[in-house]
Amino acid sequence: MATKKSIFTSEKEKTTTLSTKVPESLKDRIDVVNGKLKKVAPGKTFNISSILSDAITDAVDQAEKELTKIDDEGSTKEEGNPQTSNHSRAEEFQTESAEA
């Protein structure tokens, strides 16, 4: 895994909105961190967007690896079966997820 940048800095990049809900207690803790950070390091921010983006990136990277492994295992099993379709398990997963 690559070394991550500080959680107190952010880069400018084109973004899109992804909403999520968190427990109120977590939001309260974030507010406390931001309050303390303003006192001890003015100008720095606890960038939730960057933190969530890094966490989601790690999760998606892991999911892609696992899906590739599943697809590779499925391809090996399906080589002797002429009735199998040409689409991958990852595509099946995307379709199922979109329908849910």
PDB file of N, CA and C in Angstrom:
ATOM      1  N   MET A   1       0.853  -1.181   0.000  1.00  0.00           N
ATOM      2  CA  MET A   1       0.000   0.000   0.000  1.00  0.00           C
ATOM      3  C   MET A   1       0.892   1.236   0.000  1.00  0.00           C
ATOM      4  N   ALA A   2       0.502   2.210  -0.758  1.00  0.00           N
ATOM      5  CA  ALA A   2       1.280   3.440  -0.881  1.00  0.00           C
ATOM      6  C   ALA A   2       1.194   4.266   0.396  1.00  0.00           C
ATOM      7  N   THR A   3       2.234   5.048   0.662  1.00  0.00           N
ATOM      8  CA  THR A   3       2.231   5.937   1.810  1.00  0.00           C
ATOM      9  C   THR A   3       1.211   7.032   1.580  1.00  0.00           C
ATOM     10  N   LYS A   4       0.383   7.272   2.574  1.00  0.00           N
ATOM     11  CA  LYS A   4      -0.672   8.269   2.438  1.00  0.00           C
ATOM     12  C   LYS A   4      -0.186   9.634   2.889  1.00  0.00           C
ATOM     13  N   LYS A   5      -0.781  10.651   2.284  1.00  0.00           N
ATOM     14  CA  LYS A   5      -0.470  12.016   2.679  1.00  0.00           C
ATOM     15  C   LYS A   5      -1.122  12.288   4.033  1.00  0.00           C
ATOM     16  N   SER A   6      -0.769  13.364   4.670  1.00  0.00           N
ATOM     17  CA  SER A   6      -1.353  13.736   5.955  1.00  0.00           C
ATOM     18  C   SER A   6      -2.855  13.892   5.842  1.00  0.00           C
ATOM     19  N   ILE A   7      -3.582  13.488   6.870  1.00  0.00           N
ATOM     20  CA  ILE A   7      -5.035  13.642   6.857  1.00  0.00           C
ATOM     21  C   ILE A   7      -5.450  15.084   7.089  1.00  0.00           C
ATOM     22  N   PHE A   8      -4.504  15.947   7.380  1.00  0.00           N
ATOM     23  CA  PHE A   8      -4.805  17.347   7.641  1.00  0.00           C
ATOM     24  C   PHE A   8      -4.579  18.242   6.423  1.00  0.00           C
ATOM     25  N   THR A   9      -4.317  17.655   5.272  1.00  0.00           N
ATOM     26  CA  THR A   9      -4.133  18.433   4.058  1.00  0.00           C
ATOM     27  C   THR A   9      -5.016  17.848   2.962  1.00  0.00           C
ATOM     28  N   SER A  10      -5.203  18.618   1.906  1.00  0.00           N
ATOM     29  CA  SER A  10      -6.005  18.103   0.803  1.00  0.00           C
ATOM     30  C   SER A  10      -5.445  18.592  -0.520  1.00  0.00           C
ATOM     31  N   GLU A  11      -5.779  17.875  -1.579  1.00  0.00           N
ATOM     32  CA  GLU A  11      -5.390  18.269  -2.927  1.00  0.00           C
ATOM     33  C   GLU A  11      -6.642  18.703  -3.662  1.00  0.00           C
ATOM     34  N   LYS A  12      -6.472  19.586  -4.616  1.00  0.00           N
ATOM     35  CA  LYS A  12      -7.595  20.014  -5.439  1.00  0.00           C
ATOM     36  C   LYS A  12      -7.703  19.057  -6.628  1.00  0.00           C
ATOM     37  N   GLU A  13      -8.874  18.486  -6.800  1.00  0.00           N
ATOM     38  CA  GLU A  13      -9.134  17.570  -7.901  1.00  0.00           C
ATOM     39  C   GLU A  13     -10.622  17.619  -8.211  1.00  0.00           C
ATOM     40  N   LYS A  14     -10.979  17.371  -9.466  1.00  0.00           N
ATOM     41  CA  LYS A  14     -12.389  17.345  -9.825  1.00  0.00           C
ATOM     42  C   LYS A  14     -13.080  16.256  -9.010  1.00  0.00           C
ATOM     43  N   THR A  15     -14.208  16.589  -8.410  1.00  0.00           N
ATOM     44  CA  THR A  15     -14.891  15.647  -7.536  1.00  0.00           C
ATOM     45  C   THR A  15     -16.366  15.518  -7.890  1.00  0.00           C
ATOM     46  N   THR A  16     -16.999  14.517  -7.294  1.00  0.00           N
ATOM     47  CA  THR A  16     -18.435  14.330  -7.387  1.00  0.00           C
ATOM     48  C   THR A  16     -18.936  14.063  -5.972  1.00  0.00           C
ATOM     49  N   THR A  17     -20.212  14.264  -5.733  1.00  0.00           N
ATOM     50  CA  THR A  17     -20.755  14.117  -4.388  1.00  0.00           C
ATOM     51  C   THR A  17     -21.216  12.688  -4.139  1.00  0.00           C
ATOM     52  N   LEU A  18     -20.840  12.166  -2.982  1.00  0.00           N
ATOM     53  CA  LEU A  18     -21.284  10.871  -2.506  1.00  0.00           C
ATOM     54  C   LEU A  18     -21.690  11.083  -1.055  1.00  0.00           C
ATOM     55  N   SER A  19     -22.948  10.893  -0.747  1.00  0.00           N
ATOM     56  CA  SER A  19     -23.444  11.158   0.607  1.00  0.00           C
ATOM     57  C   SER A  19     -23.394   9.897   1.456  1.00  0.00           C
ATOM     58  N   THR A  20     -23.204  10.087   2.747  1.00  0.00           N
ATOM     59  CA  THR A  20     -23.214   8.976   3.689  1.00  0.00           C
ATOM     60  C   THR A  20     -23.749   9.461   5.026  1.00  0.00           C
ATOM     61  N   LYS A  21     -24.234   8.539   5.813  1.00  0.00           N
ATOM     62  CA  LYS A  21     -24.696   8.869   7.151  1.00  0.00           C
ATOM     63  C   LYS A  21     -23.733   8.248   8.156  1.00  0.00           C
ATOM     64  N   VAL A  22     -23.508   8.979   9.244  1.00  0.00           N
ATOM     65  CA  VAL A  22     -22.654   8.482  10.325  1.00  0.00           C
ATOM     66  C   VAL A  22     -23.392   8.679  11.643  1.00  0.00           C
ATOM     67  N   PRO A  23     -23.021   7.913  12.655  1.00  0.00           N
ATOM     68  CA  PRO A  23     -23.642   8.117  13.970  1.00  0.00           C
ATOM     69  C   PRO A  23     -23.364   9.537  14.482  1.00  0.00           C
ATOM     70  N   GLU A  24     -24.331  10.086  15.211  1.00  0.00           N
ATOM     71  CA  GLU A  24     -24.153  11.435  15.757  1.00  0.00           C
ATOM     72  C   GLU A  24     -22.922  11.519  16.644  1.00  0.00           C
ATOM     73  N   SER A  25     -22.634  10.439  17.368  1.00  0.00           N
ATOM     74  CA  SER A  25     -21.470  10.459  18.255  1.00  0.00           C
ATOM     75  C   SER A  25     -20.175  10.623  17.465  1.00  0.00           C
ATOM     76  N   LEU A  26     -20.116  10.040  16.280  1.00  0.00           N
ATOM     77  CA  LEU A  26     -18.935  10.216  15.444  1.00  0.00           C
ATOM     78  C   LEU A  26     -18.840  11.651  14.944  1.00  0.00           C
ATOM     79  N   LYS A  27     -19.951  12.203  14.508  1.00  0.00           N
ATOM     80  CA  LYS A  27     -19.971  13.605  14.068  1.00  0.00           C
ATOM     81  C   LYS A  27     -19.521  14.520  15.203  1.00  0.00           C
ATOM     82  N   ASP A  28     -19.959  14.244  16.421  1.00  0.00           N
ATOM     83  CA  ASP A  28     -19.537  15.040  17.580  1.00  0.00           C
ATOM     84  C   ASP A  28     -18.032  14.949  17.790  1.00  0.00           C
ATOM     85  N   ARG A  29     -17.470  13.749  17.634  1.00  0.00           N
ATOM     86  CA  ARG A  29     -16.020  13.576  17.789  1.00  0.00           C
ATOM     87  C   ARG A  29     -15.259  14.354  16.719  1.00  0.00           C
ATOM     88  N   ILE A  30     -15.777  14.324  15.501  1.00  0.00           N
ATOM     89  CA  ILE A  30     -15.148  15.082  14.412  1.00  0.00           C
ATOM     90  C   ILE A  30     -15.151  16.564  14.738  1.00  0.00           C
ATOM     91  N   ASP A  31     -16.268  17.057  15.268  1.00  0.00           N
ATOM     92  CA  ASP A  31     -16.361  18.471  15.646  1.00  0.00           C
ATOM     93  C   ASP A  31     -15.348  18.819  16.727  1.00  0.00           C
ATOM     94  N   VAL A  32     -15.140  17.923  17.685  1.00  0.00           N
ATOM     95  CA  VAL A  32     -14.153  18.156  18.747  1.00  0.00           C
ATOM     96  C   VAL A  32     -12.747  18.222  18.148  1.00  0.00           C
ATOM     97  N   VAL A  33     -12.439  17.291  17.246  1.00  0.00           N
ATOM     98  CA  VAL A  33     -11.122  17.300  16.594  1.00  0.00           C
ATOM     99  C   VAL A  33     -10.921  18.612  15.846  1.00  0.00           C
ATOM    100  N   ASN A  34     -11.923  19.027  15.082  1.00  0.00           N
ATOM    101  CA  ASN A  34     -11.810  20.286  14.332  1.00  0.00           C
ATOM    102  C   ASN A  34     -11.635  21.477  15.263  1.00  0.00           C
ATOM    103  N   GLY A  35     -12.352  21.497  16.379  1.00  0.00           N
ATOM    104  CA  GLY A  35     -12.222  22.585  17.350  1.00  0.00           C
ATOM    105  C   GLY A  35     -10.825  22.659  17.932  1.00  0.00           C
ATOM    106  N   LYS A  36     -10.301  21.501  18.330  1.00  0.00           N
ATOM    107  CA  LYS A  36      -8.938  21.462  18.891  1.00  0.00           C
ATOM    108  C   LYS A  36      -7.898  21.824  17.834  1.00  0.00           C
ATOM    109  N   LEU A  37      -8.108  21.340  16.607  1.00  0.00           N
ATOM    110  CA  LEU A  37      -7.159  21.609  15.534  1.00  0.00           C
ATOM    111  C   LEU A  37      -7.067  23.098  15.237  1.00  0.00           C
ATOM    112  N   LYS A  38      -8.193  23.795  15.265  1.00  0.00           N
ATOM    113  CA  LYS A  38      -8.192  25.245  15.026  1.00  0.00           C
ATOM    114  C   LYS A  38      -7.343  25.972  16.061  1.00  0.00           C
ATOM    115  N   LYS A  39      -7.337  25.456  17.294  1.00  0.00           N
ATOM    116  CA  LYS A  39      -6.563  26.091  18.364  1.00  0.00           C
ATOM    117  C   LYS A  39      -5.075  25.796  18.253  1.00  0.00           C
ATOM    118  N   VAL A  40      -4.728  24.543  17.936  1.00  0.00           N
ATOM    119  CA  VAL A  40      -3.316  24.153  17.957  1.00  0.00           C
ATOM    120  C   VAL A  40      -2.617  24.304  16.606  1.00  0.00           C
ATOM    121  N   ALA A  41      -3.378  24.307  15.527  1.00  0.00           N
ATOM    122  CA  ALA A  41      -2.769  24.413  14.199  1.00  0.00           C
ATOM    123  C   ALA A  41      -3.695  25.173  13.260  1.00  0.00           C
ATOM    124  N   PRO A  42      -3.826  26.484  13.497  1.00  0.00           N
ATOM    125  CA  PRO A  42      -4.699  27.284  12.621  1.00  0.00           C
ATOM    126  C   PRO A  42      -4.286  27.128  11.153  1.00  0.00           C
ATOM    127  N   GLY A  43      -5.272  27.048  10.290  1.00  0.00           N
ATOM    128  CA  GLY A  43      -4.989  26.896   8.865  1.00  0.00           C
ATOM    129  C   GLY A  43      -5.027  25.450   8.401  1.00  0.00           C
ATOM    130  N   LYS A  44      -4.909  24.515   9.333  1.00  0.00           N
ATOM    131  CA  LYS A  44      -5.011  23.102   8.991  1.00  0.00           C
ATOM    132  C   LYS A  44      -6.463  22.667   9.118  1.00  0.00           C
ATOM    133  N   THR A  45      -6.834  21.645   8.346  1.00  0.00           N
ATOM    134  CA  THR A  45      -8.193  21.120   8.442  1.00  0.00           C
ATOM    135  C   THR A  45      -8.166  19.604   8.554  1.00  0.00           C
ATOM    136  N   PHE A  46      -9.165  19.073   9.192  1.00  0.00           N
ATOM    137  CA  PHE A  46      -9.377  17.632   9.274  1.00  0.00           C
ATOM    138  C   PHE A  46     -10.316  17.332   8.110  1.00  0.00           C
ATOM    139  N   ASN A  47      -9.740  17.007   6.975  1.00  0.00           N
ATOM    140  CA  ASN A  47     -10.474  16.927   5.721  1.00  0.00           C
ATOM    141  C   ASN A  47     -11.220  15.599   5.593  1.00  0.00           C
ATOM    142  N   ILE A  48     -12.494  15.612   5.978  1.00  0.00           N
ATOM    143  CA  ILE A  48     -13.318  14.404   5.957  1.00  0.00           C
ATOM    144  C   ILE A  48     -13.422  13.846   4.538  1.00  0.00           C
ATOM    145  N   SER A  49     -13.588  14.695   3.565  1.00  0.00           N
ATOM    146  CA  SER A  49     -13.706  14.223   2.181  1.00  0.00           C
ATOM    147  C   SER A  49     -12.474  13.438   1.755  1.00  0.00           C
ATOM    148  N   SER A  50     -11.320  13.954   2.067  1.00  0.00           N
ATOM    149  CA  SER A  50     -10.078  13.281   1.711  1.00  0.00           C
ATOM    150  C   SER A  50      -9.930  11.956   2.461  1.00  0.00           C
ATOM    151  N   ILE A  51     -10.282  11.969   3.738  1.00  0.00           N
ATOM    152  CA  ILE A  51     -10.183  10.762   4.556  1.00  0.00           C
ATOM    153  C   ILE A  51     -11.124   9.679   4.021  1.00  0.00           C
ATOM    154  N   LEU A  52     -12.367  10.058   3.745  1.00  0.00           N
ATOM    155  CA  LEU A  52     -13.334   9.096   3.217  1.00  0.00           C
ATOM    156  C   LEU A  52     -12.925   8.611   1.834  1.00  0.00           C
ATOM    157  N   SER A  53     -12.428   9.507   1.020  1.00  0.00           N
ATOM    158  CA  SER A  53     -11.986   9.123  -0.320  1.00  0.00           C
ATOM    159  C   SER A  53     -10.869   8.085  -0.243  1.00  0.00           C
ATOM    160  N   ASP A  54      -9.900   8.292   0.650  1.00  0.00           N
ATOM    161  CA  ASP A  54      -8.810   7.324   0.820  1.00  0.00           C
ATOM    162  C   ASP A  54      -9.349   5.972   1.297  1.00  0.00           C
ATOM    163  N   ALA A  55     -10.270   5.998   2.263  1.00  0.00           N
ATOM    164  CA  ALA A  55     -10.830   4.748   2.795  1.00  0.00           C
ATOM    165  C   ALA A  55     -11.637   4.012   1.725  1.00  0.00           C
ATOM    166  N   ILE A  56     -12.432   4.746   0.958  1.00  0.00           N
ATOM    167  CA  ILE A  56     -13.232   4.125  -0.096  1.00  0.00           C
ATOM    168  C   ILE A  56     -12.322   3.597  -1.203  1.00  0.00           C
ATOM    169  N   THR A  57     -11.274   4.342  -1.531  1.00  0.00           N
ATOM    170  CA  THR A  57     -10.311   3.875  -2.535  1.00  0.00           C
ATOM    171  C   THR A  57      -9.697   2.556  -2.111  1.00  0.00           C
ATOM    172  N   ASP A  58      -9.291   2.455  -0.844  1.00  0.00           N
ATOM    173  CA  ASP A  58      -8.720   1.199  -0.336  1.00  0.00           C
ATOM    174  C   ASP A  58      -9.735   0.056  -0.443  1.00  0.00           C
ATOM    175  N   ALA A  59     -10.988   0.319  -0.091  1.00  0.00           N
ATOM    176  CA  ALA A  59     -12.029  -0.708  -0.157  1.00  0.00           C
ATOM    177  C   ALA A  59     -12.297  -1.142  -1.594  1.00  0.00           C
ATOM    178  N   VAL A  60     -12.349  -0.184  -2.518  1.00  0.00           N
ATOM    179  CA  VAL A  60     -12.580  -0.513  -3.927  1.00  0.00           C
ATOM    180  C   VAL A  60     -11.391  -1.289  -4.496  1.00  0.00           C
ATOM    181  N   ASP A  61     -10.166  -0.887  -4.140  1.00  0.00           N
ATOM    182  CA  ASP A  61      -8.977  -1.621  -4.587  1.00  0.00           C
ATOM    183  C   ASP A  61      -9.060  -3.080  -4.139  1.00  0.00           C
ATOM    184  N   GLN A  62      -9.436  -3.282  -2.867  1.00  0.00           N
ATOM    185  CA  GLN A  62      -9.554  -4.638  -2.330  1.00  0.00           C
ATOM    186  C   GLN A  62     -10.663  -5.407  -3.052  1.00  0.00           C
ATOM    187  N   ALA A  63     -11.797  -4.757  -3.279  1.00  0.00           N
ATOM    188  CA  ALA A  63     -12.910  -5.407  -3.972  1.00  0.00           C
ATOM    189  C   ALA A  63     -12.503  -5.815  -5.389  1.00  0.00           C
ATOM    190  N   GLU A  64     -11.795  -4.933  -6.087  1.00  0.00           N
ATOM    191  CA  GLU A  64     -11.349  -5.259  -7.444  1.00  0.00           C
ATOM    192  C   GLU A  64     -10.412  -6.458  -7.446  1.00  0.00           C
ATOM    193  N   LYS A  65      -9.496  -6.518  -6.464  1.00  0.00           N
ATOM    194  CA  LYS A  65      -8.583  -7.658  -6.365  1.00  0.00           C
ATOM    195  C   LYS A  65      -9.355  -8.947  -6.121  1.00  0.00           C
ATOM    196  N   GLU A  66     -10.311  -8.889  -5.199  1.00  0.00           N
ATOM    197  CA  GLU A  66     -11.094 -10.074  -4.882  1.00  0.00           C
ATOM    198  C   GLU A  66     -11.945 -10.513  -6.071  1.00  0.00           C
ATOM    199  N   LEU A  67     -12.538  -9.560  -6.776  1.00  0.00           N
ATOM    200  CA  LEU A  67     -13.352  -9.894  -7.949  1.00  0.00           C
ATOM    201  C   LEU A  67     -12.494 -10.481  -9.065  1.00  0.00           C
ATOM    202  N   THR A  68     -11.289  -9.953  -9.234  1.00  0.00           N
ATOM    203  CA  THR A  68     -10.376 -10.514 -10.231  1.00  0.00           C
ATOM    204  C   THR A  68     -10.036 -11.950  -9.876  1.00  0.00           C
ATOM    205  N   LYS A  69      -9.782 -12.195  -8.599  1.00  0.00           N
ATOM    206  CA  LYS A  69      -9.469 -13.553  -8.149  1.00  0.00           C
ATOM    207  C   LYS A  69     -10.665 -14.475  -8.387  1.00  0.00           C
ATOM    208  N   ILE A  70     -11.865 -14.029  -8.044  1.00  0.00           N
ATOM    209  CA  ILE A  70     -13.073 -14.824  -8.259  1.00  0.00           C
ATOM    210  C   ILE A  70     -13.259 -15.084  -9.753  1.00  0.00           C
ATOM    211  N   ASP A  71     -13.066 -14.039 -10.564  1.00  0.00           N
ATOM    212  CA  ASP A  71     -13.223 -14.172 -12.009  1.00  0.00           C
ATOM    213  C   ASP A  71     -12.206 -15.156 -12.571  1.00  0.00           C
ATOM    214  N   ASP A  72     -10.953 -15.046 -12.108  1.00  0.00           N
ATOM    215  CA  ASP A  72      -9.906 -15.962 -12.575  1.00  0.00           C
ATOM    216  C   ASP A  72     -10.238 -17.398 -12.197  1.00  0.00           C
ATOM    217  N   GLU A  73     -10.711 -17.611 -10.978  1.00  0.00           N
ATOM    218  CA  GLU A  73     -11.096 -18.959 -10.535  1.00  0.00           C
ATOM    219  C   GLU A  73     -12.268 -19.468 -11.360  1.00  0.00           C
ATOM    220  N   GLY A  74     -13.236 -18.597 -11.636  1.00  0.00           N
ATOM    221  CA  GLY A  74     -14.391 -18.978 -12.436  1.00  0.00           C
ATOM    222  C   GLY A  74     -14.009 -19.306 -13.863  1.00  0.00           C
ATOM    223  N   SER A  75     -13.077 -18.540 -14.421  1.00  0.00           N
ATOM    224  CA  SER A  75     -12.632 -18.785 -15.796  1.00  0.00           C
ATOM    225  C   SER A  75     -11.953 -20.137 -15.902  1.00  0.00           C
ATOM    226  N   THR A  76     -11.181 -20.484 -14.896  1.00  0.00           N
ATOM    227  CA  THR A  76     -10.493 -21.766 -14.887  1.00  0.00           C
ATOM    228  C   THR A  76     -11.511 -22.902 -14.846  1.00  0.00           C
ATOM    229  N   LYS A  77     -12.540 -22.763 -14.021  1.00  0.00           N
ATOM    230  CA  LYS A  77     -13.570 -23.791 -13.906  1.00  0.00           C
ATOM    231  C   LYS A  77     -14.424 -23.869 -15.158  1.00  0.00           C
ATOM    232  N   GLU A  78     -14.656 -22.723 -15.822  1.00  0.00           N
ATOM    233  CA  GLU A  78     -15.564 -22.657 -16.955  1.00  0.00           C
ATOM    234  C   GLU A  78     -14.919 -23.037 -18.280  1.00  0.00           C
ATOM    235  N   GLU A  79     -13.592 -23.198 -18.324  1.00  0.00           N
ATOM    236  CA  GLU A  79     -12.915 -23.475 -19.587  1.00  0.00           C
ATOM    237  C   GLU A  79     -13.451 -24.732 -20.257  1.00  0.00           C
ATOM    238  N   GLY A  80     -13.842 -25.727 -19.489  1.00  0.00           N
ATOM    239  CA  GLY A  80     -14.340 -26.965 -20.061  1.00  0.00           C
ATOM    240  C   GLY A  80     -15.830 -26.949 -20.324  1.00  0.00           C
ATOM    241  N   ASN A  81     -16.517 -25.852 -20.028  1.00  0.00           N
ATOM    242  CA  ASN A  81     -17.968 -25.768 -20.167  1.00  0.00           C
ATOM    243  C   ASN A  81     -18.317 -24.828 -21.317  1.00  0.00           C
ATOM    244  N   PRO A  82     -18.754 -25.353 -22.469  1.00  0.00           N
ATOM    245  CA  PRO A  82     -19.045 -24.496 -23.619  1.00  0.00           C
ATOM    246  C   PRO A  82     -20.307 -23.659 -23.452  1.00  0.00           C
ATOM    247  N   GLN A  83     -21.121 -23.905 -22.426  1.00  0.00           N
ATOM    248  CA  GLN A  83     -22.376 -23.180 -22.256  1.00  0.00           C
ATOM    249  C   GLN A  83     -22.229 -21.931 -21.396  1.00  0.00           C
ATOM    250  N   THR A  84     -21.044 -21.635 -20.908  1.00  0.00           N
ATOM    251  CA  THR A  84     -20.863 -20.451 -20.066  1.00  0.00           C
ATOM    252  C   THR A  84     -20.874 -19.196 -20.922  1.00  0.00           C
ATOM    253  N   SER A  85     -21.313 -18.091 -20.320  1.00  0.00           N
ATOM    254  CA  SER A  85     -21.355 -16.829 -21.051  1.00  0.00           C
ATOM    255  C   SER A  85     -19.992 -16.172 -21.036  1.00  0.00           C
ATOM    256  N   ASN A  86     -19.851 -15.121 -21.833  1.00  0.00           N
ATOM    257  CA  ASN A  86     -18.579 -14.429 -21.964  1.00  0.00           C
ATOM    258  C   ASN A  86     -18.388 -13.308 -20.961  1.00  0.00           C
ATOM    259  N   HIS A  87     -19.396 -12.969 -20.154  1.00  0.00           N
ATOM    260  CA  HIS A  87     -19.216 -11.854 -19.223  1.00  0.00           C
ATOM    261  C   HIS A  87     -18.610 -12.339 -17.905  1.00  0.00           C
ATOM    262  N   SER A  88     -17.959 -11.424 -17.224  1.00  0.00           N
ATOM    263  CA  SER A  88     -17.232 -11.770 -16.011  1.00  0.00           C
ATOM    264  C   SER A  88     -18.123 -11.722 -14.782  1.00  0.00           C
ATOM    265  N   ARG A  89     -17.633 -12.324 -13.705  1.00  0.00           N
ATOM    266  CA  ARG A  89     -18.352 -12.262 -12.431  1.00  0.00           C
ATOM    267  C   ARG A  89     -18.433 -10.826 -11.933  1.00  0.00           C
ATOM    268  N   ALA A  90     -17.437 -10.015 -12.234  1.00  0.00           N
ATOM    269  CA  ALA A  90     -17.473  -8.601 -11.827  1.00  0.00           C
ATOM    270  C   ALA A  90     -18.654  -7.906 -12.481  1.00  0.00           C
ATOM    271  N   GLU A  91     -18.913  -8.213 -13.756  1.00  0.00           N
ATOM    272  CA  GLU A  91     -20.060  -7.614 -14.431  1.00  0.00           C
ATOM    273  C   GLU A  91     -21.359  -8.090 -13.804  1.00  0.00           C
ATOM    274  N   GLU A  92     -21.414  -9.383 -13.431  1.00  0.00           N
ATOM    275  CA  GLU A  92     -22.599  -9.903 -12.752  1.00  0.00           C
ATOM    276  C   GLU A  92     -22.817  -9.166 -11.442  1.00  0.00           C
ATOM    277  N   PHE A  93     -21.736  -8.949 -10.698  1.00  0.00           N
ATOM    278  CA  PHE A  93     -21.827  -8.253  -9.413  1.00  0.00           C
ATOM    279  C   PHE A  93     -22.341  -6.836  -9.615  1.00  0.00           C
ATOM    280  N   GLN A  94     -21.825  -6.152 -10.643  1.00  0.00           N
ATOM    281  CA  GLN A  94     -22.271  -4.782 -10.892  1.00  0.00           C
ATOM    282  C   GLN A  94     -23.764  -4.761 -11.219  1.00  0.00           C
ATOM    283  N   THR A  95     -24.212  -5.712 -12.004  1.00  0.00           N
ATOM    284  CA  THR A  95     -25.627  -5.773 -12.366  1.00  0.00           C
ATOM    285  C   THR A  95     -26.485  -6.044 -11.132  1.00  0.00           C
ATOM    286  N   GLU A  96     -26.073  -7.000 -10.300  1.00  0.00           N
ATOM    287  CA  GLU A  96     -26.819  -7.314  -9.101  1.00  0.00           C
ATOM    288  C   GLU A  96     -26.854  -6.126  -8.151  1.00  0.00           C
ATOM    289  N   SER A  97     -25.728  -5.435  -8.014  1.00  0.00           N
ATOM    290  CA  SER A  97     -25.663  -4.277  -7.123  1.00  0.00           C
ATOM    291  C   SER A  97     -26.572  -3.164  -7.614  1.00  0.00           C
ATOM    292  N   ALA A  98     -26.607  -2.963  -8.910  1.00  0.00           N
ATOM    293  CA  ALA A  98     -27.437  -1.891  -9.471  1.00  0.00           C
ATOM    294  C   ALA A  98     -28.917  -2.186  -9.286  1.00  0.00           C
ATOM    295  N   GLU A  99     -29.289  -3.467  -9.302  1.00  0.00           N
ATOM    296  CA  GLU A  99     -30.666  -3.854  -9.136  1.00  0.00           C
ATOM    297  C   GLU A  99     -31.121  -3.773  -7.697  1.00  0.00           C
ATOM    298  N   ALA A 100     -30.193  -3.879  -6.752  1.00  0.00           N
ATOM    299  CA  ALA A 100     -30.538  -3.911  -5.324  1.00  0.00           C
ATOM    300  C   ALA A 100     -31.022  -2.582  -4.811  1.00  0.00           C
TER     301      ALA A 100
END
